[in-house]
Amino acid sequence: MDTHTPTHTEALGPRPEPSGPDLRHHGDAEVRDDGSALVDLAVNVRADTPPAWLREHVAASLGRLAAYPDGRAARA
């Protein structure tokens, strides 16, 4: 006797293959150890610390982090 109850996902059947771009693809696939002349310019790749102007901007904003939002602008 089969006591398996299909889950909702199983009851829907197999998923069709996507017809659009592969959203799981990452640019590292083209520059990974293959001798390619391509450079990975992804935003999560950098060698140095953030530039001084960005550090100053972030530091200046820290005092406002705990401030409760002012709803007057949203109601205007």
PDB file of N, CA and C in Angstrom:
ATOM      1  N   MET A   1       0.837  -1.170   0.000  1.00  0.00           N
ATOM      2  CA  MET A   1       0.000   0.000   0.000  1.00  0.00           C
ATOM      3  C   MET A   1       0.890   1.245   0.000  1.00  0.00           C
ATOM      4  N   ASP A   2       0.611   2.198  -0.891  1.00  0.00           N
ATOM      5  CA  ASP A   2       1.381   3.439  -0.986  1.00  0.00           C
ATOM      6  C   ASP A   2       0.793   4.457  -0.022  1.00  0.00           C
ATOM      7  N   THR A   3       1.612   4.899   0.944  1.00  0.00           N
ATOM      8  CA  THR A   3       1.127   5.877   1.919  1.00  0.00           C
ATOM      9  C   THR A   3       1.703   7.263   1.668  1.00  0.00           C
ATOM     10  N   HIS A   4       2.370   7.439   0.549  1.00  0.00           N
ATOM     11  CA  HIS A   4       2.975   8.734   0.235  1.00  0.00           C
ATOM     12  C   HIS A   4       1.903   9.716  -0.238  1.00  0.00           C
ATOM     13  N   THR A   5       1.860  10.874   0.397  1.00  0.00           N
ATOM     14  CA  THR A   5       0.946  11.934  -0.033  1.00  0.00           C
ATOM     15  C   THR A   5       1.766  12.989  -0.751  1.00  0.00           C
ATOM     16  N   PRO A   6       1.457  13.266  -2.002  1.00  0.00           N
ATOM     17  CA  PRO A   6       2.250  14.250  -2.739  1.00  0.00           C
ATOM     18  C   PRO A   6       2.167  15.634  -2.096  1.00  0.00           C
ATOM     19  N   THR A   7       3.284  16.313  -2.068  1.00  0.00           N
ATOM     20  CA  THR A   7       3.289  17.695  -1.597  1.00  0.00           C
ATOM     21  C   THR A   7       2.681  18.576  -2.673  1.00  0.00           C
ATOM     22  N   HIS A   8       2.406  19.809  -2.336  1.00  0.00           N
ATOM     23  CA  HIS A   8       1.828  20.751  -3.303  1.00  0.00           C
ATOM     24  C   HIS A   8       2.737  20.890  -4.521  1.00  0.00           C
ATOM     25  N   THR A   9       4.046  20.980  -4.281  1.00  0.00           N
ATOM     26  CA  THR A   9       5.000  21.138  -5.379  1.00  0.00           C
ATOM     27  C   THR A   9       5.013  19.903  -6.270  1.00  0.00           C
ATOM     28  N   GLU A  10       4.979  18.728  -5.665  1.00  0.00           N
ATOM     29  CA  GLU A  10       4.956  17.493  -6.452  1.00  0.00           C
ATOM     30  C   GLU A  10       3.678  17.395  -7.278  1.00  0.00           C
ATOM     31  N   ALA A  11       2.561  17.831  -6.717  1.00  0.00           N
ATOM     32  CA  ALA A  11       1.282  17.750  -7.417  1.00  0.00           C
ATOM     33  C   ALA A  11       1.258  18.643  -8.652  1.00  0.00           C
ATOM     34  N   LEU A  12       2.049  19.699  -8.652  1.00  0.00           N
ATOM     35  CA  LEU A  12       2.091  20.603  -9.801  1.00  0.00           C
ATOM     36  C   LEU A  12       2.834  20.000 -10.981  1.00  0.00           C
ATOM     37  N   GLY A  13       3.652  18.996 -10.716  1.00  0.00           N
ATOM     38  CA  GLY A  13       4.420  18.374 -11.789  1.00  0.00           C
ATOM     39  C   GLY A  13       5.760  19.056 -11.977  1.00  0.00           C
ATOM     40  N   PRO A  14       6.536  18.586 -12.958  1.00  0.00           N
ATOM     41  CA  PRO A  14       7.871  19.160 -13.173  1.00  0.00           C
ATOM     42  C   PRO A  14       7.778  20.599 -13.672  1.00  0.00           C
ATOM     43  N   ARG A  15       8.762  21.378 -13.283  1.00  0.00           N
ATOM     44  CA  ARG A  15       8.817  22.775 -13.724  1.00  0.00           C
ATOM     45  C   ARG A  15       9.320  22.848 -15.156  1.00  0.00           C
ATOM     46  N   PRO A  16       8.730  23.735 -15.947  1.00  0.00           N
ATOM     47  CA  PRO A  16       9.244  23.907 -17.313  1.00  0.00           C
ATOM     48  C   PRO A  16      10.593  24.616 -17.285  1.00  0.00           C
ATOM     49  N   GLU A  17      11.400  24.353 -18.282  1.00  0.00           N
ATOM     50  CA  GLU A  17      12.686  25.030 -18.394  1.00  0.00           C
ATOM     51  C   GLU A  17      12.441  26.514 -18.670  1.00  0.00           C
ATOM     52  N   PRO A  18      13.177  27.398 -17.995  1.00  0.00           N
ATOM     53  CA  PRO A  18      12.979  28.831 -18.236  1.00  0.00           C
ATOM     54  C   PRO A  18      13.383  29.202 -19.660  1.00  0.00           C
ATOM     55  N   SER A  19      12.640  30.127 -20.236  1.00  0.00           N
ATOM     56  CA  SER A  19      12.953  30.539 -21.603  1.00  0.00           C
ATOM     57  C   SER A  19      13.799  31.805 -21.638  1.00  0.00           C
ATOM     58  N   GLY A  20      13.959  32.471 -20.497  1.00  0.00           N
ATOM     59  CA  GLY A  20      14.730  33.711 -20.440  1.00  0.00           C
ATOM     60  C   GLY A  20      16.172  33.460 -20.053  1.00  0.00           C
ATOM     61  N   PRO A  21      16.854  34.512 -19.640  1.00  0.00           N
ATOM     62  CA  PRO A  21      18.263  34.375 -19.250  1.00  0.00           C
ATOM     63  C   PRO A  21      18.414  33.566 -17.970  1.00  0.00           C
ATOM     64  N   ASP A  22      19.562  32.936 -17.816  1.00  0.00           N
ATOM     65  CA  ASP A  22      19.867  32.156 -16.620  1.00  0.00           C
ATOM     66  C   ASP A  22      20.228  33.127 -15.505  1.00  0.00           C
ATOM     67  N   LEU A  23      19.316  33.362 -14.581  1.00  0.00           N
ATOM     68  CA  LEU A  23      19.544  34.325 -13.512  1.00  0.00           C
ATOM     69  C   LEU A  23      20.506  33.804 -12.450  1.00  0.00           C
ATOM     70  N   ARG A  24      20.868  32.527 -12.516  1.00  0.00           N
ATOM     71  CA  ARG A  24      21.843  31.978 -11.567  1.00  0.00           C
ATOM     72  C   ARG A  24      23.272  32.157 -12.060  1.00  0.00           C
ATOM     73  N   HIS A  25      23.417  32.595 -13.298  1.00  0.00           N
ATOM     74  CA  HIS A  25      24.742  32.777 -13.888  1.00  0.00           C
ATOM     75  C   HIS A  25      25.448  33.956 -13.235  1.00  0.00           C
ATOM     76  N   HIS A  26      26.729  33.830 -12.988  1.00  0.00           N
ATOM     77  CA  HIS A  26      27.527  34.918 -12.428  1.00  0.00           C
ATOM     78  C   HIS A  26      28.714  35.150 -13.335  1.00  0.00           C
ATOM     79  N   GLY A  27      29.135  36.395 -13.432  1.00  0.00           N
ATOM     80  CA  GLY A  27      30.221  36.766 -14.331  1.00  0.00           C
ATOM     81  C   GLY A  27      31.535  36.065 -14.066  1.00  0.00           C
ATOM     82  N   ASP A  28      31.714  35.525 -12.865  1.00  0.00           N
ATOM     83  CA  ASP A  28      32.965  34.826 -12.562  1.00  0.00           C
ATOM     84  C   ASP A  28      33.183  33.640 -13.490  1.00  0.00           C
ATOM     85  N   ALA A  29      32.125  33.123 -14.086  1.00  0.00           N
ATOM     86  CA  ALA A  29      32.256  31.964 -14.970  1.00  0.00           C
ATOM     87  C   ALA A  29      33.169  32.275 -16.150  1.00  0.00           C
ATOM     88  N   GLU A  30      33.206  33.523 -16.580  1.00  0.00           N
ATOM     89  CA  GLU A  30      34.031  33.885 -17.733  1.00  0.00           C
ATOM     90  C   GLU A  30      35.482  34.206 -17.375  1.00  0.00           C
ATOM     91  N   VAL A  31      35.768  34.465 -16.115  1.00  0.00           N
ATOM     92  CA  VAL A  31      37.122  34.895 -15.751  1.00  0.00           C
ATOM     93  C   VAL A  31      37.818  33.933 -14.794  1.00  0.00           C
ATOM     94  N   ARG A  32      37.241  32.798 -14.551  1.00  0.00           N
ATOM     95  CA  ARG A  32      37.758  31.862 -13.562  1.00  0.00           C
ATOM     96  C   ARG A  32      38.866  30.984 -14.134  1.00  0.00           C
ATOM     97  N   ASP A  33      40.086  31.223 -13.780  1.00  0.00           N
ATOM     98  CA  ASP A  33      41.230  30.340 -14.049  1.00  0.00           C
ATOM     99  C   ASP A  33      41.287  29.750 -15.452  1.00  0.00           C
ATOM    100  N   ASP A  34      40.885  30.485 -16.454  1.00  0.00           N
ATOM    101  CA  ASP A  34      40.954  29.924 -17.800  1.00  0.00           C
ATOM    102  C   ASP A  34      41.936  30.686 -18.681  1.00  0.00           C
ATOM    103  N   GLY A  35      42.735  31.555 -18.066  1.00  0.00           N
ATOM    104  CA  GLY A  35      43.700  32.324 -18.833  1.00  0.00           C
ATOM    105  C   GLY A  35      43.061  33.453 -19.613  1.00  0.00           C
ATOM    106  N   SER A  36      41.818  33.725 -19.333  1.00  0.00           N
ATOM    107  CA  SER A  36      41.089  34.763 -20.052  1.00  0.00           C
ATOM    108  C   SER A  36      41.671  36.139 -19.746  1.00  0.00           C
ATOM    109  N   ALA A  37      41.582  37.024 -20.715  1.00  0.00           N
ATOM    110  CA  ALA A  37      42.037  38.399 -20.518  1.00  0.00           C
ATOM    111  C   ALA A  37      40.942  39.261 -19.907  1.00  0.00           C
ATOM    112  N   LEU A  38      39.784  38.655 -19.617  1.00  0.00           N
ATOM    113  CA  LEU A  38      38.684  39.415 -19.034  1.00  0.00           C
ATOM    114  C   LEU A  38      38.983  39.752 -17.583  1.00  0.00           C
ATOM    115  N   VAL A  39      38.476  40.890 -17.132  1.00  0.00           N
ATOM    116  CA  VAL A  39      38.643  41.336 -15.755  1.00  0.00           C
ATOM    117  C   VAL A  39      37.274  41.331 -15.095  1.00  0.00           C
ATOM    118  N   ASP A  40      37.178  40.787 -13.889  1.00  0.00           N
ATOM    119  CA  ASP A  40      35.916  40.762 -13.161  1.00  0.00           C
ATOM    120  C   ASP A  40      35.702  42.122 -12.510  1.00  0.00           C
ATOM    121  N   LEU A  41      34.727  42.865 -12.984  1.00  0.00           N
ATOM    122  CA  LEU A  41      34.429  44.191 -12.450  1.00  0.00           C
ATOM    123  C   LEU A  41      33.167  44.183 -11.594  1.00  0.00           C
ATOM    124  N   ALA A  42      32.837  43.046 -11.022  1.00  0.00           N
ATOM    125  CA  ALA A  42      31.659  42.956 -10.165  1.00  0.00           C
ATOM    126  C   ALA A  42      31.818  43.897  -8.977  1.00  0.00           C
ATOM    127  N   VAL A  43      30.706  44.406  -8.491  1.00  0.00           N
ATOM    128  CA  VAL A  43      30.762  45.382  -7.406  1.00  0.00           C
ATOM    129  C   VAL A  43      31.289  44.792  -6.110  1.00  0.00           C
ATOM    130  N   ASN A  44      31.271  43.494  -5.961  1.00  0.00           N
ATOM    131  CA  ASN A  44      31.766  42.893  -4.731  1.00  0.00           C
ATOM    132  C   ASN A  44      33.256  42.555  -4.804  1.00  0.00           C
ATOM    133  N   VAL A  45      33.922  43.008  -5.850  1.00  0.00           N
ATOM    134  CA  VAL A  45      35.347  42.740  -6.013  1.00  0.00           C
ATOM    135  C   VAL A  45      36.101  44.061  -5.964  1.00  0.00           C
ATOM    136  N   ARG A  46      36.927  44.237  -4.932  1.00  0.00           N
ATOM    137  CA  ARG A  46      37.770  45.430  -4.855  1.00  0.00           C
ATOM    138  C   ARG A  46      38.951  45.111  -3.950  1.00  0.00           C
ATOM    139  N   ALA A  47      40.038  45.763  -4.186  1.00  0.00           N
ATOM    140  CA  ALA A  47      41.262  45.451  -3.458  1.00  0.00           C
ATOM    141  C   ALA A  47      41.499  46.372  -2.265  1.00  0.00           C
ATOM    142  N   ASP A  48      41.061  47.606  -2.353  1.00  0.00           N
ATOM    143  CA  ASP A  48      41.377  48.584  -1.314  1.00  0.00           C
ATOM    144  C   ASP A  48      40.175  48.851  -0.410  1.00  0.00           C
ATOM    145  N   THR A  49      40.424  49.687   0.603  1.00  0.00           N
ATOM    146  CA  THR A  49      39.331  50.135   1.461  1.00  0.00           C
ATOM    147  C   THR A  49      38.487  51.133   0.679  1.00  0.00           C
ATOM    148  N   PRO A  50      37.286  51.431   1.160  1.00  0.00           N
ATOM    149  CA  PRO A  50      36.473  52.415   0.448  1.00  0.00           C
ATOM    150  C   PRO A  50      37.204  53.756   0.363  1.00  0.00           C
ATOM    151  N   PRO A  51      36.904  54.543  -0.662  1.00  0.00           N
ATOM    152  CA  PRO A  51      37.566  55.839  -0.795  1.00  0.00           C
ATOM    153  C   PRO A  51      37.203  56.761   0.371  1.00  0.00           C
ATOM    154  N   ALA A  52      38.063  57.730   0.622  1.00  0.00           N
ATOM    155  CA  ALA A  52      37.880  58.643   1.759  1.00  0.00           C
ATOM    156  C   ALA A  52      36.527  59.335   1.717  1.00  0.00           C
ATOM    157  N   TRP A  53      36.087  59.777   0.527  1.00  0.00           N
ATOM    158  CA  TRP A  53      34.810  60.496   0.453  1.00  0.00           C
ATOM    159  C   TRP A  53      33.648  59.615   0.889  1.00  0.00           C
ATOM    160  N   LEU A  54      33.711  58.323   0.593  1.00  0.00           N
ATOM    161  CA  LEU A  54      32.635  57.419   0.982  1.00  0.00           C
ATOM    162  C   LEU A  54      32.688  57.136   2.480  1.00  0.00           C
ATOM    163  N   ARG A  55      33.883  56.915   3.017  1.00  0.00           N
ATOM    164  CA  ARG A  55      34.010  56.699   4.466  1.00  0.00           C
ATOM    165  C   ARG A  55      33.480  57.897   5.233  1.00  0.00           C
ATOM    166  N   GLU A  56      33.798  59.108   4.769  1.00  0.00           N
ATOM    167  CA  GLU A  56      33.328  60.325   5.442  1.00  0.00           C
ATOM    168  C   GLU A  56      31.805  60.439   5.366  1.00  0.00           C
ATOM    169  N   HIS A  57      31.234  60.121   4.218  1.00  0.00           N
ATOM    170  CA  HIS A  57      29.782  60.199   4.044  1.00  0.00           C
ATOM    171  C   HIS A  57      29.070  59.203   4.964  1.00  0.00           C
ATOM    172  N   VAL A  58      29.574  57.974   5.019  1.00  0.00           N
ATOM    173  CA  VAL A  58      28.973  56.957   5.882  1.00  0.00           C
ATOM    174  C   VAL A  58      29.115  57.363   7.347  1.00  0.00           C
ATOM    175  N   ALA A  59      30.289  57.815   7.746  1.00  0.00           N
ATOM    176  CA  ALA A  59      30.513  58.220   9.136  1.00  0.00           C
ATOM    177  C   ALA A  59      29.595  59.373   9.524  1.00  0.00           C
ATOM    178  N   ALA A  60      29.391  60.322   8.615  1.00  0.00           N
ATOM    179  CA  ALA A  60      28.533  61.468   8.911  1.00  0.00           C
ATOM    180  C   ALA A  60      27.071  61.055   9.062  1.00  0.00           C
ATOM    181  N   SER A  61      26.660  59.959   8.459  1.00  0.00           N
ATOM    182  CA  SER A  61      25.261  59.534   8.519  1.00  0.00           C
ATOM    183  C   SER A  61      24.957  58.660   9.736  1.00  0.00           C
ATOM    184  N   LEU A  62      25.960  58.201  10.460  1.00  0.00           N
ATOM    185  CA  LEU A  62      25.737  57.266  11.561  1.00  0.00           C
ATOM    186  C   LEU A  62      24.870  57.847  12.668  1.00  0.00           C
ATOM    187  N   GLY A  63      24.965  59.136  12.916  1.00  0.00           N
ATOM    188  CA  GLY A  63      24.171  59.759  13.968  1.00  0.00           C
ATOM    189  C   GLY A  63      22.681  59.751  13.681  1.00  0.00           C
ATOM    190  N   ARG A  64      22.282  59.580  12.436  1.00  0.00           N
ATOM    191  CA  ARG A  64      20.863  59.590  12.062  1.00  0.00           C
ATOM    192  C   ARG A  64      20.266  58.186  11.973  1.00  0.00           C
ATOM    193  N   LEU A  65      21.036  57.155  12.241  1.00  0.00           N
ATOM    194  CA  LEU A  65      20.533  55.794  12.073  1.00  0.00           C
ATOM    195  C   LEU A  65      19.359  55.471  12.987  1.00  0.00           C
ATOM    196  N   ALA A  66      19.389  55.942  14.219  1.00  0.00           N
ATOM    197  CA  ALA A  66      18.336  55.602  15.169  1.00  0.00           C
ATOM    198  C   ALA A  66      17.170  56.583  15.126  1.00  0.00           C
ATOM    199  N   ALA A  67      17.237  57.606  14.303  1.00  0.00           N
ATOM    200  CA  ALA A  67      16.171  58.604  14.242  1.00  0.00           C
ATOM    201  C   ALA A  67      14.908  57.989  13.648  1.00  0.00           C
ATOM    202  N   TYR A  68      13.773  58.243  14.286  1.00  0.00           N
ATOM    203  CA  TYR A  68      12.501  57.741  13.776  1.00  0.00           C
ATOM    204  C   TYR A  68      12.124  58.556  12.548  1.00  0.00           C
ATOM    205  N   PRO A  69      11.638  57.928  11.501  1.00  0.00           N
ATOM    206  CA  PRO A  69      11.314  58.671  10.278  1.00  0.00           C
ATOM    207  C   PRO A  69      10.273  59.759  10.526  1.00  0.00           C
ATOM    208  N   ASP A  70      10.451  60.871   9.877  1.00  0.00           N
ATOM    209  CA  ASP A  70       9.516  61.987   9.967  1.00  0.00           C
ATOM    210  C   ASP A  70       8.437  61.769   8.909  1.00  0.00           C
ATOM    211  N   GLY A  71       7.221  61.524   9.326  1.00  0.00           N
ATOM    212  CA  GLY A  71       6.134  61.222   8.413  1.00  0.00           C
ATOM    213  C   GLY A  71       5.550  62.426   7.710  1.00  0.00           C
ATOM    214  N   ARG A  72       5.970  63.638   8.060  1.00  0.00           N
ATOM    215  CA  ARG A  72       5.394  64.832   7.426  1.00  0.00           C
ATOM    216  C   ARG A  72       5.625  64.842   5.926  1.00  0.00           C
ATOM    217  N   ALA A  73       6.792  64.431   5.473  1.00  0.00           N
ATOM    218  CA  ALA A  73       7.075  64.436   4.039  1.00  0.00           C
ATOM    219  C   ALA A  73       6.173  63.437   3.306  1.00  0.00           C
ATOM    220  N   ALA A  74       5.860  62.313   3.913  1.00  0.00           N
ATOM    221  CA  ALA A  74       5.016  61.306   3.278  1.00  0.00           C
ATOM    222  C   ALA A  74       3.569  61.776   3.178  1.00  0.00           C
ATOM    223  N   ARG A  75       3.138  62.595   4.136  1.00  0.00           N
ATOM    224  CA  ARG A  75       1.758  63.081   4.126  1.00  0.00           C
ATOM    225  C   ARG A  75       1.573  64.311   3.256  1.00  0.00           C
ATOM    226  N   ALA A  76       2.655  64.934   2.833  1.00  0.00           N
ATOM    227  CA  ALA A  76       2.548  66.180   2.051  1.00  0.00           C
ATOM    228  C   ALA A  76       2.129  65.917   0.622  1.00  0.00           C
TER     229      ALA A  76
END
